[in-house]
N, C-alpha and C. Protein backbone atom coordinates (compact mmCIF):
# COMPACT_ATOMS: atom_id res chain seq x y z
N MET A 1 -46.66 92.41 170.33
CA MET A 1 -45.85 91.77 171.36
C MET A 1 -46.60 91.85 172.69
N VAL A 2 -46.60 90.76 173.40
CA VAL A 2 -47.33 90.66 174.65
C VAL A 2 -46.38 90.94 175.81
N LYS A 3 -46.85 91.74 176.77
CA LYS A 3 -46.03 92.08 177.93
C LYS A 3 -45.79 90.84 178.79
N PRO A 4 -44.66 90.80 179.50
CA PRO A 4 -44.38 89.64 180.37
C PRO A 4 -45.46 89.41 181.44
N SER A 5 -46.02 90.49 181.97
CA SER A 5 -47.06 90.32 182.99
C SER A 5 -48.29 89.62 182.39
N ARG A 6 -48.60 89.93 181.14
CA ARG A 6 -49.75 89.29 180.48
C ARG A 6 -49.44 87.81 180.19
N ARG A 7 -48.18 87.53 179.80
CA ARG A 7 -47.79 86.13 179.54
C ARG A 7 -47.84 85.32 180.82
N LYS A 8 -47.49 85.97 181.94
CA LYS A 8 -47.55 85.28 183.23
C LYS A 8 -48.99 84.92 183.56
N GLU A 9 -49.91 85.85 183.30
CA GLU A 9 -51.34 85.57 183.55
C GLU A 9 -51.82 84.41 182.68
N MET A 10 -51.39 84.40 181.41
CA MET A 10 -51.81 83.32 180.51
C MET A 10 -51.25 81.98 180.97
N ALA A 11 -50.01 81.97 181.49
CA ALA A 11 -49.42 80.72 182.00
C ALA A 11 -50.20 80.23 183.22
N HIS A 12 -50.57 81.15 184.12
CA HIS A 12 -51.37 80.77 185.29
C HIS A 12 -52.72 80.19 184.86
N ARG A 13 -53.33 80.79 183.87
CA ARG A 13 -54.62 80.31 183.38
C ARG A 13 -54.48 78.92 182.77
N ALA A 14 -53.37 78.69 182.03
CA ALA A 14 -53.15 77.38 181.41
C ALA A 14 -52.97 76.30 182.48
N VAL A 15 -52.25 76.62 183.54
CA VAL A 15 -52.04 75.64 184.62
C VAL A 15 -53.35 75.36 185.35
N LYS A 16 -54.12 76.41 185.59
CA LYS A 16 -55.34 76.25 186.39
C LYS A 16 -56.46 75.57 185.59
N HIS A 17 -56.74 76.05 184.38
CA HIS A 17 -57.89 75.55 183.63
C HIS A 17 -57.59 74.29 182.82
N TYR A 18 -56.40 74.21 182.24
CA TYR A 18 -56.09 73.08 181.36
C TYR A 18 -55.20 72.03 182.03
N GLU A 19 -54.88 72.24 183.31
CA GLU A 19 -54.10 71.30 184.10
C GLU A 19 -52.76 70.97 183.43
N ALA A 20 -52.18 71.96 182.79
CA ALA A 20 -50.85 71.79 182.19
C ALA A 20 -49.81 71.95 183.29
N SER A 21 -48.64 71.39 183.05
CA SER A 21 -47.59 71.53 184.06
C SER A 21 -47.03 72.95 184.01
N ILE A 22 -46.45 73.38 185.11
CA ILE A 22 -45.87 74.72 185.19
C ILE A 22 -44.73 74.84 184.20
N ARG A 23 -43.90 73.79 184.12
CA ARG A 23 -42.74 73.83 183.22
C ARG A 23 -43.20 73.99 181.77
N LEU A 24 -44.23 73.25 181.36
CA LEU A 24 -44.71 73.32 179.99
C LEU A 24 -45.35 74.68 179.68
N SER A 25 -46.17 75.16 180.59
CA SER A 25 -46.83 76.44 180.33
C SER A 25 -45.81 77.59 180.30
N CYS A 26 -44.78 77.52 181.12
CA CYS A 26 -43.74 78.56 181.08
C CYS A 26 -42.97 78.51 179.77
N LYS A 27 -42.71 77.30 179.28
CA LYS A 27 -42.00 77.16 178.02
C LYS A 27 -42.85 77.67 176.86
N VAL A 28 -44.14 77.37 176.86
CA VAL A 28 -45.05 77.79 175.78
C VAL A 28 -45.16 79.31 175.75
N PHE A 29 -45.25 79.95 176.90
CA PHE A 29 -45.45 81.39 176.95
C PHE A 29 -44.15 82.18 177.10
N SER A 30 -43.02 81.50 177.01
CA SER A 30 -41.68 82.12 177.01
C SER A 30 -41.42 82.96 178.25
N ILE A 31 -41.70 82.40 179.42
CA ILE A 31 -41.33 83.05 180.67
C ILE A 31 -40.57 82.05 181.52
N SER A 32 -39.80 82.53 182.45
CA SER A 32 -39.06 81.63 183.34
C SER A 32 -39.98 81.17 184.47
N GLU A 33 -39.60 80.08 185.09
CA GLU A 33 -40.39 79.60 186.22
C GLU A 33 -40.29 80.56 187.40
N THR A 34 -39.17 81.24 187.50
CA THR A 34 -39.02 82.25 188.56
C THR A 34 -40.04 83.35 188.37
N CYS A 35 -40.20 83.78 187.13
CA CYS A 35 -41.19 84.82 186.83
C CYS A 35 -42.60 84.31 187.15
N TYR A 36 -42.86 83.02 186.85
CA TYR A 36 -44.17 82.44 187.11
C TYR A 36 -44.49 82.45 188.60
N ARG A 37 -43.49 82.15 189.42
CA ARG A 37 -43.73 82.02 190.85
C ARG A 37 -43.61 83.34 191.61
N TYR A 38 -43.11 84.37 190.97
CA TYR A 38 -42.85 85.64 191.66
C TYR A 38 -44.16 86.29 192.09
N LYS A 39 -44.20 86.76 193.35
CA LYS A 39 -45.36 87.50 193.87
C LYS A 39 -44.86 88.87 194.30
N ALA A 40 -45.50 89.91 193.81
CA ALA A 40 -45.09 91.28 194.14
C ALA A 40 -45.37 91.54 195.61
N LYS A 41 -44.40 92.13 196.30
CA LYS A 41 -44.54 92.36 197.73
C LYS A 41 -45.31 93.65 198.04
N LEU A 42 -45.22 94.62 197.14
CA LEU A 42 -45.75 95.94 197.44
C LEU A 42 -46.99 96.29 196.61
N SER A 43 -47.76 95.29 196.22
CA SER A 43 -48.90 95.57 195.36
C SER A 43 -49.96 96.43 196.07
N ASP A 44 -50.12 96.24 197.40
CA ASP A 44 -51.08 97.08 198.14
C ASP A 44 -50.64 98.53 198.13
N GLU A 45 -49.33 98.74 198.29
CA GLU A 45 -48.80 100.09 198.28
C GLU A 45 -48.91 100.71 196.88
N ASN A 46 -48.73 99.89 195.84
CA ASN A 46 -48.90 100.38 194.47
C ASN A 46 -50.33 100.83 194.23
N ALA A 47 -51.27 100.10 194.80
CA ALA A 47 -52.68 100.49 194.66
C ALA A 47 -52.92 101.84 195.36
N GLU A 48 -52.26 102.04 196.50
CA GLU A 48 -52.40 103.32 197.20
C GLU A 48 -51.80 104.47 196.38
N ILE A 49 -50.65 104.20 195.77
CA ILE A 49 -50.02 105.22 194.92
C ILE A 49 -50.94 105.55 193.74
N ALA A 50 -51.50 104.51 193.12
CA ALA A 50 -52.40 104.71 191.99
C ALA A 50 -53.62 105.52 192.40
N ASP A 51 -54.15 105.21 193.58
CA ASP A 51 -55.31 105.94 194.07
C ASP A 51 -54.99 107.42 194.28
N TRP A 52 -53.84 107.69 194.89
CA TRP A 52 -53.43 109.08 195.11
C TRP A 52 -53.24 109.81 193.78
N LEU A 53 -52.58 109.15 192.82
CA LEU A 53 -52.33 109.80 191.53
C LEU A 53 -53.63 110.11 190.80
N LEU A 54 -54.57 109.19 190.86
CA LEU A 54 -55.86 109.43 190.21
C LEU A 54 -56.60 110.59 190.87
N ARG A 55 -56.59 110.60 192.21
CA ARG A 55 -57.26 111.70 192.92
C ARG A 55 -56.63 113.05 192.60
N LEU A 56 -55.29 113.08 192.58
CA LEU A 56 -54.61 114.34 192.29
C LEU A 56 -54.84 114.80 190.86
N SER A 57 -54.86 113.85 189.91
CA SER A 57 -55.05 114.25 188.52
C SER A 57 -56.47 114.73 188.24
N VAL A 58 -57.43 114.25 189.03
CA VAL A 58 -58.80 114.74 188.87
C VAL A 58 -58.96 116.10 189.55
N THR A 59 -58.37 116.24 190.73
CA THR A 59 -58.51 117.49 191.49
C THR A 59 -57.72 118.62 190.84
N TYR A 60 -56.48 118.35 190.47
CA TYR A 60 -55.61 119.36 189.87
C TYR A 60 -55.30 118.94 188.44
N LYS A 61 -56.17 119.28 187.52
CA LYS A 61 -56.06 118.82 186.13
C LYS A 61 -54.80 119.32 185.44
N ARG A 62 -54.27 120.45 185.87
CA ARG A 62 -53.11 121.03 185.19
C ARG A 62 -51.78 120.52 185.72
N TRP A 63 -51.82 119.70 186.77
CA TRP A 63 -50.58 119.17 187.34
C TRP A 63 -50.09 118.01 186.49
N GLY A 64 -48.81 117.97 186.25
CA GLY A 64 -48.18 116.83 185.61
C GLY A 64 -47.60 115.90 186.67
N PHE A 65 -46.72 115.01 186.21
CA PHE A 65 -46.13 114.05 187.15
C PHE A 65 -45.31 114.75 188.22
N GLY A 66 -44.52 115.75 187.83
CA GLY A 66 -43.61 116.40 188.77
C GLY A 66 -44.33 117.01 189.96
N LEU A 67 -45.39 117.74 189.70
CA LEU A 67 -46.12 118.38 190.80
C LEU A 67 -46.83 117.34 191.66
N CYS A 68 -47.37 116.29 191.02
CA CYS A 68 -48.03 115.23 191.80
C CYS A 68 -47.02 114.55 192.72
N PHE A 69 -45.84 114.23 192.18
CA PHE A 69 -44.83 113.56 192.98
C PHE A 69 -44.35 114.44 194.13
N LEU A 70 -44.10 115.72 193.84
CA LEU A 70 -43.64 116.62 194.90
C LEU A 70 -44.70 116.80 195.98
N TYR A 71 -45.96 116.82 195.60
CA TYR A 71 -47.05 116.93 196.57
C TYR A 71 -47.03 115.70 197.49
N LEU A 72 -46.93 114.51 196.88
CA LEU A 72 -46.93 113.28 197.69
C LEU A 72 -45.70 113.21 198.59
N ARG A 73 -44.56 113.67 198.08
CA ARG A 73 -43.31 113.58 198.83
C ARG A 73 -43.25 114.64 199.93
N ASN A 74 -43.49 115.90 199.58
CA ASN A 74 -43.26 117.00 200.52
C ASN A 74 -44.46 117.32 201.40
N ILE A 75 -45.66 117.27 200.85
CA ILE A 75 -46.85 117.64 201.62
C ILE A 75 -47.38 116.44 202.42
N LYS A 76 -47.53 115.31 201.73
CA LYS A 76 -48.09 114.13 202.39
C LYS A 76 -47.05 113.31 203.13
N GLY A 77 -45.77 113.46 202.79
CA GLY A 77 -44.71 112.80 203.53
C GLY A 77 -44.43 111.36 203.14
N TYR A 78 -44.92 110.91 201.99
CA TYR A 78 -44.62 109.55 201.56
C TYR A 78 -43.20 109.50 201.00
N GLY A 79 -42.48 108.44 201.28
CA GLY A 79 -41.10 108.31 200.83
C GLY A 79 -40.93 107.43 199.61
N TRP A 80 -41.92 107.42 198.73
CA TRP A 80 -41.85 106.56 197.56
C TRP A 80 -40.82 107.07 196.57
N ASN A 81 -40.18 106.15 195.88
CA ASN A 81 -39.18 106.45 194.87
C ASN A 81 -39.86 107.07 193.64
N HIS A 82 -39.24 108.08 193.05
CA HIS A 82 -39.87 108.76 191.91
C HIS A 82 -40.00 107.83 190.70
N LYS A 83 -39.07 106.88 190.56
CA LYS A 83 -39.15 105.95 189.42
C LYS A 83 -40.36 105.03 189.56
N ARG A 84 -40.62 104.61 190.79
CA ARG A 84 -41.76 103.73 191.04
C ARG A 84 -43.08 104.49 190.82
N VAL A 85 -43.15 105.71 191.33
CA VAL A 85 -44.37 106.51 191.17
C VAL A 85 -44.59 106.81 189.69
N TYR A 86 -43.51 107.10 188.95
CA TYR A 86 -43.66 107.41 187.53
C TYR A 86 -44.10 106.17 186.74
N ARG A 87 -43.60 104.99 187.13
CA ARG A 87 -44.03 103.75 186.47
C ARG A 87 -45.54 103.57 186.62
N ILE A 88 -46.06 103.80 187.81
CA ILE A 88 -47.50 103.67 188.05
C ILE A 88 -48.25 104.78 187.32
N TYR A 89 -47.68 105.97 187.29
CA TYR A 89 -48.27 107.10 186.57
C TYR A 89 -48.44 106.76 185.09
N ARG A 90 -47.43 106.11 184.53
CA ARG A 90 -47.50 105.71 183.11
C ARG A 90 -48.49 104.58 182.91
N GLU A 91 -48.53 103.61 183.82
CA GLU A 91 -49.47 102.49 183.70
C GLU A 91 -50.91 102.98 183.73
N LEU A 92 -51.15 104.02 184.48
CA LEU A 92 -52.50 104.61 184.52
C LEU A 92 -52.78 105.47 183.30
N GLU A 93 -51.75 105.66 182.46
CA GLU A 93 -51.82 106.46 181.23
C GLU A 93 -52.16 107.91 181.51
N LEU A 94 -51.68 108.39 182.65
CA LEU A 94 -51.90 109.80 182.97
C LEU A 94 -50.92 110.69 182.20
N ASN A 95 -49.84 110.10 181.72
CA ASN A 95 -48.87 110.89 180.96
C ASN A 95 -49.36 111.18 179.55
N LEU A 96 -50.47 110.58 179.13
CA LEU A 96 -50.98 110.78 177.79
C LEU A 96 -52.06 111.85 177.72
N ARG A 97 -52.32 112.50 178.85
CA ARG A 97 -53.32 113.56 178.83
C ARG A 97 -52.81 114.70 177.96
N ILE A 98 -53.64 115.18 177.07
CA ILE A 98 -53.25 116.28 176.19
C ILE A 98 -53.95 117.53 176.68
N LYS A 99 -53.16 118.53 176.96
CA LYS A 99 -53.73 119.78 177.42
C LYS A 99 -54.34 120.52 176.24
N PRO A 100 -55.60 120.88 176.33
CA PRO A 100 -56.19 121.63 175.22
C PRO A 100 -55.59 123.03 175.14
N ARG A 101 -55.44 123.49 173.93
CA ARG A 101 -54.91 124.83 173.76
C ARG A 101 -55.92 125.85 174.22
N ARG A 102 -55.42 126.87 174.87
CA ARG A 102 -56.30 127.94 175.29
C ARG A 102 -56.50 128.88 174.11
N ARG A 103 -57.70 128.95 173.65
CA ARG A 103 -57.98 129.78 172.49
C ARG A 103 -58.62 131.08 172.95
N ILE A 104 -58.24 132.13 172.29
CA ILE A 104 -58.81 133.45 172.60
C ILE A 104 -60.12 133.56 171.83
N LYS A 105 -61.17 133.87 172.56
CA LYS A 105 -62.46 134.04 171.90
C LYS A 105 -62.47 135.43 171.26
N ARG A 106 -62.61 135.41 169.97
CA ARG A 106 -62.60 136.68 169.24
C ARG A 106 -63.99 136.92 168.68
N ASP A 107 -64.58 138.01 169.10
CA ASP A 107 -65.85 138.42 168.52
C ASP A 107 -65.56 139.16 167.23
N LYS A 108 -66.60 139.42 166.49
CA LYS A 108 -66.40 140.19 165.27
C LYS A 108 -65.97 141.60 165.67
N PRO A 109 -64.95 142.12 165.02
CA PRO A 109 -64.50 143.46 165.40
C PRO A 109 -65.54 144.52 165.03
N ASP A 110 -65.58 145.57 165.83
CA ASP A 110 -66.51 146.66 165.55
C ASP A 110 -66.09 147.36 164.26
N ALA A 111 -67.08 147.87 163.58
CA ALA A 111 -66.79 148.61 162.35
C ALA A 111 -66.08 149.91 162.73
N LEU A 112 -65.17 150.34 161.86
CA LEU A 112 -64.44 151.57 162.12
C LEU A 112 -65.38 152.77 162.00
N ASP A 113 -65.20 153.72 162.88
CA ASP A 113 -66.02 154.93 162.84
C ASP A 113 -65.57 155.80 161.67
N VAL A 114 -66.53 156.25 160.91
CA VAL A 114 -66.23 157.14 159.78
C VAL A 114 -66.46 158.56 160.27
N PRO A 115 -65.41 159.41 160.17
CA PRO A 115 -65.58 160.79 160.63
C PRO A 115 -66.59 161.54 159.76
N GLY A 116 -67.33 162.44 160.39
CA GLY A 116 -68.39 163.18 159.68
C GLY A 116 -67.94 164.47 159.04
N LYS A 117 -66.82 165.05 159.47
CA LYS A 117 -66.36 166.32 158.90
C LYS A 117 -64.84 166.42 159.00
N ILE A 118 -64.30 167.44 158.34
CA ILE A 118 -62.86 167.63 158.30
C ILE A 118 -62.35 167.99 159.70
N ASN A 119 -61.12 167.56 160.01
CA ASN A 119 -60.43 167.80 161.27
C ASN A 119 -61.10 167.16 162.49
N GLN A 120 -61.91 166.17 162.25
CA GLN A 120 -62.53 165.47 163.37
C GLN A 120 -61.60 164.37 163.89
N VAL A 121 -60.98 163.59 162.96
CA VAL A 121 -60.08 162.51 163.34
C VAL A 121 -58.83 162.59 162.47
N TRP A 122 -57.67 162.54 163.12
CA TRP A 122 -56.39 162.50 162.40
C TRP A 122 -55.70 161.17 162.69
N SER A 123 -54.87 160.77 161.76
CA SER A 123 -54.04 159.58 161.95
C SER A 123 -52.59 159.97 161.73
N MET A 124 -51.69 159.30 162.44
CA MET A 124 -50.28 159.56 162.23
C MET A 124 -49.54 158.25 162.03
N ASP A 125 -48.44 158.31 161.30
CA ASP A 125 -47.71 157.11 160.95
C ASP A 125 -46.26 157.47 160.68
N PHE A 126 -45.39 156.51 160.89
CA PHE A 126 -43.97 156.65 160.57
C PHE A 126 -43.67 155.81 159.34
N MET A 127 -42.83 156.34 158.46
CA MET A 127 -42.39 155.59 157.29
C MET A 127 -40.88 155.72 157.19
N SER A 128 -40.26 154.73 156.55
CA SER A 128 -38.82 154.75 156.40
C SER A 128 -38.45 154.19 155.05
N ASP A 129 -37.40 154.73 154.42
CA ASP A 129 -36.93 154.26 153.14
C ASP A 129 -35.44 154.53 153.05
N ALA A 130 -34.80 153.95 152.06
CA ALA A 130 -33.37 154.15 151.88
C ALA A 130 -33.12 154.75 150.50
N LEU A 131 -32.20 155.70 150.42
CA LEU A 131 -31.81 156.31 149.15
C LEU A 131 -30.70 155.47 148.53
N ARG A 132 -30.36 155.77 147.26
CA ARG A 132 -29.33 155.00 146.57
C ARG A 132 -27.97 155.11 147.25
N ASP A 133 -27.68 156.25 147.80
CA ASP A 133 -26.37 156.44 148.43
C ASP A 133 -26.38 156.03 149.91
N VAL A 134 -27.20 155.09 150.28
CA VAL A 134 -27.27 154.43 151.58
C VAL A 134 -27.80 155.33 152.69
N ARG A 135 -28.20 156.53 152.37
CA ARG A 135 -28.81 157.38 153.39
C ARG A 135 -30.23 156.91 153.65
N ARG A 136 -30.68 157.04 154.88
CA ARG A 136 -32.03 156.62 155.26
C ARG A 136 -32.92 157.85 155.34
N LEU A 137 -34.12 157.71 154.83
CA LEU A 137 -35.10 158.80 154.86
C LEU A 137 -36.25 158.35 155.75
N ARG A 138 -36.47 159.11 156.80
CA ARG A 138 -37.56 158.77 157.72
C ARG A 138 -38.56 159.92 157.74
N THR A 139 -39.87 159.54 157.69
CA THR A 139 -40.91 160.57 157.67
C THR A 139 -41.94 160.30 158.75
N PHE A 140 -42.54 161.39 159.21
CA PHE A 140 -43.65 161.34 160.16
C PHE A 140 -44.81 162.02 159.47
N ASN A 141 -45.90 161.27 159.19
CA ASN A 141 -47.02 161.77 158.40
C ASN A 141 -48.25 161.95 159.28
N VAL A 142 -48.93 163.05 159.10
CA VAL A 142 -50.21 163.31 159.77
C VAL A 142 -51.26 163.45 158.69
N ILE A 143 -52.32 162.63 158.77
CA ILE A 143 -53.34 162.57 157.71
C ILE A 143 -54.72 162.77 158.33
N ASP A 144 -55.56 163.53 157.63
CA ASP A 144 -56.97 163.71 158.04
C ASP A 144 -57.75 162.52 157.51
N ASP A 145 -58.51 161.84 158.39
CA ASP A 145 -59.21 160.62 157.99
C ASP A 145 -60.45 160.90 157.14
N PHE A 146 -61.01 162.08 157.20
CA PHE A 146 -62.23 162.36 156.45
C PHE A 146 -61.95 162.45 154.96
N ASN A 147 -60.99 163.25 154.57
CA ASN A 147 -60.71 163.41 153.14
C ASN A 147 -59.38 162.82 152.71
N ARG A 148 -58.70 162.12 153.60
CA ARG A 148 -57.41 161.47 153.35
C ARG A 148 -56.35 162.46 152.89
N GLY A 149 -56.49 163.65 153.32
CA GLY A 149 -55.51 164.68 152.94
C GLY A 149 -54.35 164.69 153.90
N GLY A 150 -53.15 164.90 153.37
CA GLY A 150 -51.96 164.96 154.20
C GLY A 150 -51.85 166.32 154.86
N LEU A 151 -51.92 166.40 156.16
CA LEU A 151 -51.84 167.66 156.88
C LEU A 151 -50.38 168.09 157.05
N ALA A 152 -49.51 167.14 157.33
CA ALA A 152 -48.11 167.50 157.53
C ALA A 152 -47.23 166.28 157.29
N VAL A 153 -46.05 166.51 156.76
CA VAL A 153 -45.05 165.47 156.57
C VAL A 153 -43.73 166.03 157.11
N PHE A 154 -43.23 165.41 158.16
CA PHE A 154 -41.95 165.80 158.72
C PHE A 154 -40.93 164.74 158.33
N PHE A 155 -39.79 165.11 157.81
CA PHE A 155 -38.84 164.10 157.40
C PHE A 155 -37.46 164.40 157.97
N LYS A 156 -36.69 163.35 157.97
CA LYS A 156 -35.33 163.44 158.50
C LYS A 156 -34.46 162.51 157.69
N ILE A 157 -33.30 162.95 157.27
CA ILE A 157 -32.35 162.12 156.54
C ILE A 157 -31.27 161.71 157.52
N VAL A 158 -31.04 160.40 157.60
CA VAL A 158 -30.07 159.86 158.55
C VAL A 158 -28.91 159.30 157.75
N PHE A 159 -27.70 159.72 158.12
CA PHE A 159 -26.50 159.19 157.47
C PHE A 159 -26.06 157.93 158.21
N ALA A 160 -25.83 156.89 157.45
CA ALA A 160 -25.43 155.63 158.08
C ALA A 160 -23.98 155.58 158.46
């Protein structure tokens, strides 16, 4: 489907190059004669808005439409309507920018240190389990990393 603005351009081209009548070219391209004759009053201002939006999107890559509009409205003092600015923002296809995901650079992890003798490195851990009669059994385990021997097991039975 062709946009009305593009059909208007094609009608103008048909009138200019092929010397067709305005009425015929409007009928062929399915636009009204009013649309054919319409001239935008604020096209210079639209170009200024587009220029500002392009500059802001290059300077502040992480800003979306909202921050750009607020900057133009509050900092620069332009009184442009947000709907108009957003229409131009979309025409420039700035709303289609995809922010790349920030990925964490992960190096290969260091190899774990292997202890050289007994009682050099200990590890501790909590474990939990449930008995048949709904009581909970919780343990605190201390293990020697060299020989994987259990140094101590502290437990507690919790009634639910």
